[in-house]
Each structure stands twice: as structure tokens, then as C-alpha cells.
Amino acid sequence: MPYRSLSADHVIVTIEKLQSRIAERFPGSGLERVASELSEVAKRCAEESERLREPVIPIRLSVYTIWTIGTFALGWIALTLHFDVAKFDAASLVQVLEPAMNIAVLVGLGVMTLGRLEERWKRAKALDYLHELRSIAHVVDMHQLTKDPYRRLLPTTASSPNVSLEGPLLERYLDYCSEMLSLTGKLAALFAQSCRDSEVVAGAGDIEQLTTALSRKIWQKIMAFSRYDAASVTEIPANPTKIQLTS
């Protein structure tokens, strides 16, 4: 169903378009390089999420081999055991059931072990990519830390960062950061969609919460543009000595 599941191809196309928009609007910027890195990671995430949907063939073949060996062993026991029905008693029953139970236990342990091995392998792969996406989200957040709409209204100090963007350009820069965070969360959701492991789902949920929280901070800055518009705001003096509160 196209509208009931997240399409990795559509996510990649959206990220590539965002990368082009950032490159055209802010060529040579650090945000452009982050977008390029996100685009590369998105392709690898899409491939890996699709791969995690498929069974791990060597492990599955090992499971089927164990089942086959166990079935043949039980059949061999049933064909080679000979007992006299007339003299069949509890001791004879134990003689028949003991090897069969041992084989059944060994087959069950082997199947469970290999089944968990496949689960752990997929979980480790997914968590590695989720860790990378979490790091990218923090990198995006670092690029917007000093991008404040009201910074130009304050007197600069020796440690003040350079103000390279103002007005609509700054607003667009912050909007791009928010979009990148949202798409990072969508890449994490691909793993929750393809790998139903509880730890993977929880990890993807944590990243979505992280990107949502970081995006919320950015949108607080974007909403501040209406309050700090140059046409309606009086600049703060260089050395304010007293702040008066009026009712």
C-alpha cells in the first residue's frame, strides 16, 4: 500500500531535492556539506532497511539443516529400535523415548540459538545506522545554535559570533535545518518499519523524539522573526543602565 508504509525512494528523493535547494541558496556552506552527507547516509539506510526485511540465508539454511538432521535422526531411531510388544514395559518405553527426547531437545536448542543469532545480527546492523543518524541530528543542531533572529539587535562583544545571515535568508536557513531534522527522523522510521525488533523500534522512536525536540527549538526562533522585525523593534542601546517595567 503506497500510503500505508514509508517509501525509502521518496525519502531519498526529498533529501536530494533539499540538498539541491541548500546548495543553490547557500553554496559552499557547512549546511550544504551536512545535507550532502545526509543524502549519502540516506541511500545506505534505504539499502540496509530493505536488506533487513529479507531473511539471512546462511542462518536460515543452518536452521533447515538442523531440522532435516533431527527428522532423519528420529526416523532412524524409529526404524532401528526393535522391541517385543509382548514384553513391552516402562523400561522399554524409556529406552524408546530417551534418544528421541535428546534429539528433540538438541534440535530445539539449535533452532532457537540460530533464530536469535539472526535477530541479534539484524538488531546490531539497525542500531549502528540509528547511532549514525542520531549523530547527524546533533550536527544539524550545531549549525543553528548561533543563528538567532535577534542577535543583530544586540551590541557585539569580543566573543560574539559573526552575523552572516539576516532576515529572510536566516529564516530560510533555519527552515532548512528543521527539514533536515525531520528527514533524519524519517530515515530512522525506515528501520522501525523493516525490523520489528523492540530495541530497534525504541531506538527509532528516540531519534524521532530527538529530532522533533530540536526542530521545536528551531521553530521557536523562526516564530521570533515576527517579534524582532526591524521595522517594529527599537534597538537595545550599547550600555543599558536601567530596564523599566511599565504596566
Protein backbone atom coordinates (compact mmCIF):
# COMPACT_ATOMS: atom_id res chain seq x y z
CA MET A 1 0.00 0.00 0.00
CA PRO A 2 1.70 3.26 -1.12
CA TYR A 3 0.10 5.37 1.62
CA ARG A 4 0.36 2.86 4.47
CA SER A 5 4.11 2.49 4.56
CA LEU A 6 7.05 4.86 4.30
CA SER A 7 8.77 4.72 0.91
CA ALA A 8 12.56 4.81 1.10
CA ASP A 9 12.78 6.04 -2.50
CA HIS A 10 10.53 9.01 -1.78
CA VAL A 11 12.56 9.91 1.31
CA ILE A 12 15.78 9.83 -0.72
CA VAL A 13 14.28 12.00 -3.48
CA THR A 14 13.11 14.53 -0.89
CA ILE A 15 16.55 14.65 0.73
CA GLU A 16 18.26 15.11 -2.65
CA LYS A 17 15.91 17.98 -3.51
CA LEU A 18 16.63 19.58 -0.14
CA GLN A 19 20.35 19.20 -0.76
CA SER A 20 19.98 20.98 -4.12
CA ARG A 21 17.94 23.77 -2.55
CA ILE A 22 20.56 24.32 0.15
CA ALA A 23 23.41 24.23 -2.39
CA GLU A 24 21.67 26.84 -4.54
CA ARG A 25 20.75 29.10 -1.65
CA PHE A 26 23.89 28.71 0.50
CA PRO A 27 26.67 27.44 -1.80
CA GLY A 28 29.83 26.32 -0.02
CA SER A 29 28.24 26.48 3.43
CA GLY A 30 28.66 23.92 6.17
CA LEU A 31 24.96 23.15 6.00
CA GLU A 32 25.39 22.13 2.36
CA ARG A 33 28.07 19.63 3.36
CA VAL A 34 25.84 18.23 6.09
CA ALA A 35 23.00 17.85 3.57
CA SER A 36 25.35 16.03 1.20
CA GLU A 37 26.38 13.68 3.98
CA LEU A 38 22.74 13.08 4.91
CA SER A 39 21.97 12.22 1.28
CA GLU A 40 24.74 9.60 1.22
CA VAL A 41 23.62 8.14 4.55
CA ALA A 42 20.02 8.04 3.30
CA LYS A 43 20.97 5.81 0.38
CA ARG A 44 22.81 3.41 2.66
CA CYS A 45 19.96 3.43 5.15
CA ALA A 46 17.46 2.63 2.40
CA GLU A 47 19.55 -0.30 1.18
CA GLU A 48 20.11 -1.65 4.67
CA SER A 49 16.47 -1.30 5.73
CA GLU A 50 15.39 -3.27 2.66
CA ARG A 51 18.06 -5.88 3.37
CA LEU A 52 16.81 -6.30 6.93
CA ARG A 53 13.39 -7.28 5.58
CA GLU A 54 14.88 -10.36 3.96
CA PRO A 55 15.93 -13.49 5.84
CA VAL A 56 19.62 -14.13 6.40
CA ILE A 57 20.08 -17.05 4.02
CA PRO A 58 23.11 -18.77 5.69
CA ILE A 59 21.37 -18.73 9.07
CA ARG A 60 18.05 -19.93 7.64
CA LEU A 61 19.84 -22.74 5.77
CA SER A 62 21.50 -23.77 9.02
CA VAL A 63 18.09 -23.89 10.73
CA TYR A 64 16.62 -26.01 7.94
CA THR A 65 19.65 -28.29 8.06
CA ILE A 66 19.21 -28.84 11.78
CA TRP A 67 15.50 -29.61 11.28
CA THR A 68 16.36 -32.09 8.49
CA ILE A 69 19.07 -33.81 10.52
CA GLY A 70 16.77 -34.05 13.52
CA THR A 71 13.94 -35.51 11.44
CA PHE A 72 16.23 -38.14 9.88
CA ALA A 73 17.66 -38.99 13.29
CA LEU A 74 14.21 -39.55 14.76
CA GLY A 75 13.25 -41.65 11.75
CA TRP A 76 16.42 -43.69 12.06
CA ILE A 77 15.69 -44.35 15.74
CA ALA A 78 12.16 -45.42 14.94
CA LEU A 79 13.37 -47.85 12.24
CA THR A 80 16.33 -49.36 14.08
CA LEU A 81 14.79 -49.91 17.50
CA HIS A 82 13.39 -53.39 18.00
CA PHE A 83 11.33 -54.43 20.94
CA ASP A 84 8.96 -57.18 21.76
CA VAL A 85 5.39 -55.92 22.03
CA ALA A 86 4.51 -58.79 24.34
CA LYS A 87 7.26 -57.82 26.77
CA PHE A 88 6.81 -54.04 26.38
CA ASP A 89 7.03 -52.33 29.77
CA ALA A 90 8.10 -49.00 31.33
CA ALA A 91 11.79 -49.77 30.83
CA SER A 92 11.20 -50.41 27.15
CA LEU A 93 9.25 -47.16 26.87
CA VAL A 94 12.14 -45.21 28.42
CA GLN A 95 14.53 -46.93 26.02
CA VAL A 96 12.46 -45.66 23.10
CA LEU A 97 11.71 -42.16 24.36
CA GLU A 98 15.11 -41.22 25.78
CA PRO A 99 17.05 -40.89 22.48
CA ALA A 100 14.07 -39.26 20.80
CA MET A 101 13.77 -36.66 23.56
CA ASN A 102 17.51 -35.97 23.48
CA ILE A 103 17.41 -35.34 19.76
CA ALA A 104 14.31 -33.15 20.06
CA VAL A 105 15.98 -31.04 22.78
CA LEU A 106 19.16 -30.65 20.74
CA VAL A 107 17.23 -29.68 17.62
CA GLY A 108 15.14 -27.17 19.58
CA LEU A 109 18.20 -25.57 21.18
CA GLY A 110 19.94 -25.32 17.81
CA VAL A 111 16.94 -23.72 16.14
CA MET A 112 16.44 -21.23 18.99
CA THR A 113 20.11 -20.30 19.06
CA LEU A 114 20.32 -19.69 15.32
CA GLY A 115 16.99 -17.85 15.32
CA ARG A 116 18.24 -15.47 17.99
CA LEU A 117 21.51 -15.11 16.11
CA GLU A 118 19.65 -13.72 13.09
CA GLU A 119 17.65 -11.40 15.35
CA ARG A 120 20.78 -10.12 17.09
CA TRP A 121 22.59 -9.62 13.78
CA LYS A 122 19.75 -7.54 12.34
CA ARG A 123 19.44 -5.57 15.57
CA ALA A 124 23.15 -4.73 15.62
CA LYS A 125 23.04 -3.55 11.99
CA ALA A 126 20.00 -1.35 12.56
CA LEU A 127 21.35 0.16 15.80
CA ASP A 128 24.62 1.10 14.08
CA TYR A 129 22.72 3.14 11.49
CA LEU A 130 20.45 4.66 14.13
CA HIS A 131 23.53 5.80 16.05
CA GLU A 132 24.83 7.48 12.89
CA LEU A 133 21.50 9.23 12.33
CA ARG A 134 21.49 10.45 15.93
CA SER A 135 24.93 11.98 15.40
CA ILE A 136 23.78 13.73 12.21
CA ALA A 137 20.83 15.23 14.08
CA HIS A 138 23.20 16.75 16.63
CA VAL A 139 25.45 18.07 13.84
CA VAL A 140 22.46 19.83 12.26
CA ASP A 141 21.62 21.30 15.65
CA MET A 142 25.17 22.63 15.99
CA HIS A 143 24.77 24.56 12.73
CA GLN A 144 21.77 26.50 14.01
CA LEU A 145 22.96 27.22 17.56
CA THR A 146 24.24 30.73 16.89
CA LYS A 147 21.64 31.60 14.25
CA ASP A 148 19.38 33.89 16.31
CA PRO A 149 16.98 36.38 14.71
CA TYR A 150 17.56 38.99 17.43
CA ARG A 151 21.39 38.82 17.51
CA ARG A 152 21.72 41.84 15.20
CA LEU A 153 19.76 43.93 17.72
CA LEU A 154 22.33 43.38 20.47
CA PRO A 155 25.71 45.05 20.87
CA THR A 156 28.56 42.75 19.81
CA THR A 157 31.23 41.56 22.20
CA ALA A 158 34.69 40.15 21.67
CA SER A 159 33.32 36.59 21.75
CA SER A 160 30.21 37.21 19.68
CA PRO A 161 29.92 35.01 16.56
CA ASN A 162 29.90 36.66 13.17
CA VAL A 163 26.44 37.57 11.90
CA SER A 164 26.48 36.38 8.29
CA LEU A 165 22.75 35.92 7.76
CA GLU A 166 19.84 38.21 8.46
CA GLY A 167 16.16 38.48 7.73
CA PRO A 168 14.59 36.09 5.20
CA LEU A 169 17.89 34.32 4.49
CA LEU A 170 18.33 33.46 8.15
CA GLU A 171 14.73 32.30 8.34
CA ARG A 172 15.25 30.09 5.29
CA TYR A 173 18.48 28.69 6.81
CA LEU A 174 16.62 27.70 9.97
CA ASP A 175 13.81 26.21 7.92
CA TYR A 176 16.32 24.02 6.05
CA CYS A 177 17.72 22.82 9.38
CA SER A 178 14.23 21.88 10.52
CA GLU A 179 13.59 19.96 7.29
CA MET A 180 16.86 18.06 7.65
CA LEU A 181 15.95 17.04 11.18
CA SER A 182 12.52 15.85 10.06
CA LEU A 183 14.01 13.76 7.25
CA THR A 184 16.57 12.29 9.65
CA GLY A 185 13.67 11.07 11.76
CA LYS A 186 12.07 9.56 8.66
CA LEU A 187 15.24 7.59 7.93
CA ALA A 188 15.11 6.20 11.46
CA ALA A 189 11.47 5.25 10.90
CA LEU A 190 12.53 3.10 7.93
CA PHE A 191 14.35 0.75 10.30
CA ALA A 192 11.40 0.57 12.69
CA GLN A 193 9.26 -0.31 9.67
CA SER A 194 11.52 -3.04 8.31
CA CYS A 195 12.85 -4.51 11.57
CA ARG A 196 10.20 -5.22 14.20
CA ASP A 197 12.74 -5.81 16.96
CA SER A 198 11.68 -3.97 20.14
CA GLU A 199 15.11 -2.37 20.67
CA VAL A 200 15.22 -1.10 17.09
CA VAL A 201 11.71 0.32 17.34
CA ALA A 202 12.59 2.01 20.63
CA GLY A 203 15.82 3.42 19.16
CA ALA A 204 14.00 4.80 16.13
CA GLY A 205 11.38 6.33 18.43
CA ASP A 206 14.12 8.02 20.47
CA ILE A 207 15.58 9.58 17.34
CA GLU A 208 12.18 10.84 16.22
CA GLN A 209 11.66 12.41 19.65
CA LEU A 210 15.14 13.96 19.48
CA THR A 211 14.63 15.45 16.02
CA THR A 212 11.19 16.73 16.99
CA ALA A 213 12.59 18.43 20.09
CA LEU A 214 15.46 20.00 18.14
CA SER A 215 13.09 21.15 15.40
CA ARG A 216 10.83 22.70 18.01
CA LYS A 217 13.73 24.88 19.18
CA ILE A 218 14.34 26.00 15.61
CA TRP A 219 10.71 26.90 15.08
CA GLN A 220 10.76 28.98 18.24
CA LYS A 221 13.48 31.04 16.56
CA ILE A 222 11.52 31.24 13.31
CA MET A 223 8.44 32.45 15.18
CA ALA A 224 10.58 35.13 16.83
CA PHE A 225 11.04 36.91 13.49
CA SER A 226 7.62 38.50 13.85
CA ARG A 227 8.58 39.89 17.26
CA TYR A 228 12.01 41.13 16.26
CA ASP A 229 11.17 42.66 12.90
CA ALA A 230 13.41 45.64 12.25
CA ALA A 231 10.51 47.85 11.32
CA SER A 232 8.76 47.48 14.65
CA VAL A 233 11.55 47.00 17.17
CA THR A 234 13.73 49.63 18.82
CA GLU A 235 17.35 48.55 19.06
CA ILE A 236 18.83 47.98 22.51
CA PRO A 237 21.43 50.63 23.49
CA ALA A 238 25.07 49.64 23.76
CA ASN A 239 25.20 50.17 27.54
CA PRO A 240 21.75 49.85 29.00
CA THR A 241 21.75 51.09 32.59
CA LYS A 242 18.19 50.50 33.63
CA ILE A 243 15.26 48.48 32.48
CA GLN A 244 11.88 49.97 33.37
CA LEU A 245 8.79 47.82 33.55
CA THR A 246 5.55 49.59 32.68
CA SER A 247 2.08 48.27 33.10
